[in-house]
Amino acid sequence: MLADIALPTGAVIATVIRDGQPTVPAPEMRLRPGDELLVVSHAATEQEIHAAFQ
């Protein structure tokens, strides 16, 4: 679930693009292979965000 992903402070998943359609995600949403994320951050580094999905 998205709620289980430990993003760095100041980072938020703003949109999940699934099958070409953007969706405002809910915390209980589960990611599927092929999903694309738009992560917005003012303080986190790109490396920290990538590490959250490893």
C-alpha atoms as a PDB file:
ATOM      1  CA  MET A   1       0.000   0.000   0.000  1.00  0.00           C
ATOM      2  CA  LEU A   2       1.148   3.545  -0.586  1.00  0.00           C
ATOM      3  CA  ALA A   3       0.798   4.259   3.127  1.00  0.00           C
ATOM      4  CA  ASP A   4       3.578   1.704   3.773  1.00  0.00           C
ATOM      5  CA  ILE A   5       6.146   3.539   1.631  1.00  0.00           C
ATOM      6  CA  ALA A   6       8.565   5.513   3.807  1.00  0.00           C
ATOM      7  CA  LEU A   7       9.196   8.627   1.745  1.00  0.00           C
ATOM      8  CA  PRO A   8      11.600  11.282   2.978  1.00  0.00           C
ATOM      9  CA  THR A   9      10.114  14.176   4.925  1.00  0.00           C
ATOM     10  CA  GLY A  10       8.617  16.716   2.560  1.00  0.00           C
ATOM     11  CA  ALA A  11       7.944  14.233  -0.258  1.00  0.00           C
ATOM     12  CA  VAL A  12       4.459  13.157  -1.328  1.00  0.00           C
ATOM     13  CA  ILE A  13       3.060  10.923  -4.052  1.00  0.00           C
ATOM     14  CA  ALA A  14       0.813  13.365  -5.895  1.00  0.00           C
ATOM     15  CA  THR A  15      -0.363  11.180  -8.781  1.00  0.00           C
ATOM     16  CA  VAL A  16      -0.301   7.558  -9.855  1.00  0.00           C
ATOM     17  CA  ILE A  17      -0.541   7.015 -13.600  1.00  0.00           C
ATOM     18  CA  ARG A  18      -2.054   3.616 -14.312  1.00  0.00           C
ATOM     19  CA  ASP A  19      -2.872   2.447 -17.827  1.00  0.00           C
ATOM     20  CA  GLY A  20      -2.269   5.990 -19.054  1.00  0.00           C
ATOM     21  CA  GLN A  21      -4.809   7.498 -16.662  1.00  0.00           C
ATOM     22  CA  PRO A  22      -3.737   9.830 -13.828  1.00  0.00           C
ATOM     23  CA  THR A  23      -5.294   9.121 -10.443  1.00  0.00           C
ATOM     24  CA  VAL A  24      -5.087  10.954  -7.141  1.00  0.00           C
ATOM     25  CA  PRO A  25      -3.890   8.126  -4.905  1.00  0.00           C
ATOM     26  CA  ALA A  26      -5.465   7.037  -1.641  1.00  0.00           C
ATOM     27  CA  PRO A  27      -3.245   5.685   1.174  1.00  0.00           C
ATOM     28  CA  GLU A  28      -4.702   2.177   0.721  1.00  0.00           C
ATOM     29  CA  MET A  29      -3.875   2.076  -3.016  1.00  0.00           C
ATOM     30  CA  ARG A  30      -1.556  -0.754  -4.060  1.00  0.00           C
ATOM     31  CA  LEU A  31       1.014  -0.214  -6.772  1.00  0.00           C
ATOM     32  CA  ARG A  32       0.986  -2.478  -9.812  1.00  0.00           C
ATOM     33  CA  PRO A  33       3.741  -3.252 -12.313  1.00  0.00           C
ATOM     34  CA  GLY A  34       3.792  -0.475 -14.893  1.00  0.00           C
ATOM     35  CA  ASP A  35       2.411   2.219 -12.586  1.00  0.00           C
ATOM     36  CA  GLU A  36       4.173   5.559 -12.845  1.00  0.00           C
ATOM     37  CA  LEU A  37       4.391   7.990  -9.936  1.00  0.00           C
ATOM     38  CA  LEU A  38       4.623  11.741  -9.725  1.00  0.00           C
ATOM     39  CA  VAL A  39       6.461  12.500  -6.486  1.00  0.00           C
ATOM     40  CA  VAL A  40       6.562  16.117  -5.343  1.00  0.00           C
ATOM     41  CA  SER A  41       9.266  17.212  -2.938  1.00  0.00           C
ATOM     42  CA  HIS A  42      10.797  20.396  -1.702  1.00  0.00           C
ATOM     43  CA  ALA A  43      13.376  18.934   0.624  1.00  0.00           C
ATOM     44  CA  ALA A  44      14.112  15.309  -0.270  1.00  0.00           C
ATOM     45  CA  THR A  45      16.789  14.366  -2.727  1.00  0.00           C
ATOM     46  CA  GLU A  46      16.133  12.186  -5.751  1.00  0.00           C
ATOM     47  CA  GLN A  47      18.375   9.488  -4.256  1.00  0.00           C
ATOM     48  CA  GLU A  48      16.310   9.342  -1.057  1.00  0.00           C
ATOM     49  CA  ILE A  49      13.100   9.002  -3.042  1.00  0.00           C
ATOM     50  CA  HIS A  50      14.545   6.178  -5.164  1.00  0.00           C
ATOM     51  CA  ALA A  51      15.726   4.436  -1.985  1.00  0.00           C
ATOM     52  CA  ALA A  52      12.164   4.438  -0.625  1.00  0.00           C
ATOM     53  CA  PHE A  53      11.112   2.163  -3.500  1.00  0.00           C
ATOM     54  CA  GLN A  54      13.978  -0.356  -3.254  1.00  0.00           C
END
